[in-house]
Amino acid sequence: MNRIEVNLETGEITTIELTAEEVSEAQAQYAAWQAEQSQATAPVDLQAQIVALTAELDAIKSKVGA
């Protein structure tokens, strides 16, 4: 993996090889991002949500005395 640096004053472009530590850090950040994305797009279990909300509603009704 490489990093590209650009000197904005001169326009000089330099390609610098990343160290093993930098590569490792980049891969860990990418893996964390991928995990976050997969959780954000995970399908919702509507049946489980309905059951949980029904139970919550029943508990509220019993407290209110409905």
Protein backbone atom coordinates (compact mmCIF):
# COMPACT_ATOMS: atom_id res chain seq x y z
CA MET A 1 0.00 0.00 0.00
CA ASN A 2 1.12 3.50 -0.75
CA ARG A 3 0.31 6.99 0.38
CA ILE A 4 0.34 9.86 -2.10
CA GLU A 5 1.47 13.28 -0.92
CA VAL A 6 1.04 16.42 -3.00
CA ASN A 7 2.96 19.63 -2.35
CA LEU A 8 0.35 22.30 -3.00
CA GLU A 9 2.94 25.00 -3.58
CA THR A 10 5.04 23.16 -6.15
CA GLY A 11 2.57 20.55 -7.40
CA GLU A 12 5.17 17.84 -6.72
CA ILE A 13 3.60 14.42 -6.20
CA THR A 14 5.39 11.88 -4.02
CA THR A 15 4.39 8.24 -3.52
CA ILE A 16 5.42 6.84 -0.15
CA GLU A 17 5.18 3.18 0.80
CA LEU A 18 3.30 2.59 4.04
CA THR A 19 4.96 0.83 6.95
CA ALA A 20 3.61 -2.52 8.15
CA GLU A 21 2.11 -0.71 11.14
CA GLU A 22 0.30 1.82 8.92
CA VAL A 23 -1.03 -0.97 6.68
CA SER A 24 -2.23 -2.87 9.74
CA GLU A 25 -3.99 0.21 11.11
CA ALA A 26 -5.65 0.94 7.76
CA GLN A 27 -6.89 -2.64 7.48
CA ALA A 28 -8.29 -2.54 11.03
CA GLN A 29 -10.11 0.73 10.32
CA TYR A 30 -11.53 -0.71 7.10
CA ALA A 31 -12.71 -3.88 8.88
CA ALA A 32 -14.41 -1.76 11.56
CA TRP A 33 -16.10 0.33 8.88
CA GLN A 34 -17.30 -2.81 7.08
CA ALA A 35 -18.75 -4.20 10.32
CA GLU A 36 -20.54 -0.92 10.97
CA GLN A 37 -21.98 -0.92 7.47
CA SER A 38 -23.19 -4.51 7.69
CA GLN A 39 -24.99 -3.73 10.96
CA ALA A 40 -26.59 -0.66 9.46
CA THR A 41 -27.93 -2.66 6.53
CA ALA A 42 -28.88 -5.81 8.45
CA PRO A 43 -32.44 -6.90 7.73
CA VAL A 44 -34.95 -6.08 10.45
CA ASP A 45 -36.77 -8.99 12.07
CA LEU A 46 -40.28 -7.54 12.04
CA GLN A 47 -41.84 -10.58 13.69
CA ALA A 48 -39.52 -10.25 16.70
CA GLN A 49 -40.20 -6.51 16.90
CA ILE A 50 -43.97 -7.09 16.90
CA VAL A 51 -43.67 -9.68 19.68
CA ALA A 52 -41.46 -7.40 21.79
CA LEU A 53 -43.69 -4.36 21.31
CA THR A 54 -46.82 -6.37 22.07
CA ALA A 55 -45.26 -7.56 25.32
CA GLU A 56 -44.25 -3.99 26.18
CA LEU A 57 -47.75 -2.74 25.43
CA ASP A 58 -49.29 -5.47 27.59
CA ALA A 59 -46.98 -4.50 30.47
CA ILE A 60 -47.99 -0.85 30.15
CA LYS A 61 -51.69 -1.78 30.03
CA SER A 62 -51.35 -3.87 33.20
CA LYS A 63 -49.70 -0.97 35.04
CA VAL A 64 -52.43 1.43 33.92
CA GLY A 65 -55.17 -1.09 34.69
CA ALA A 66 -56.60 -1.19 31.19
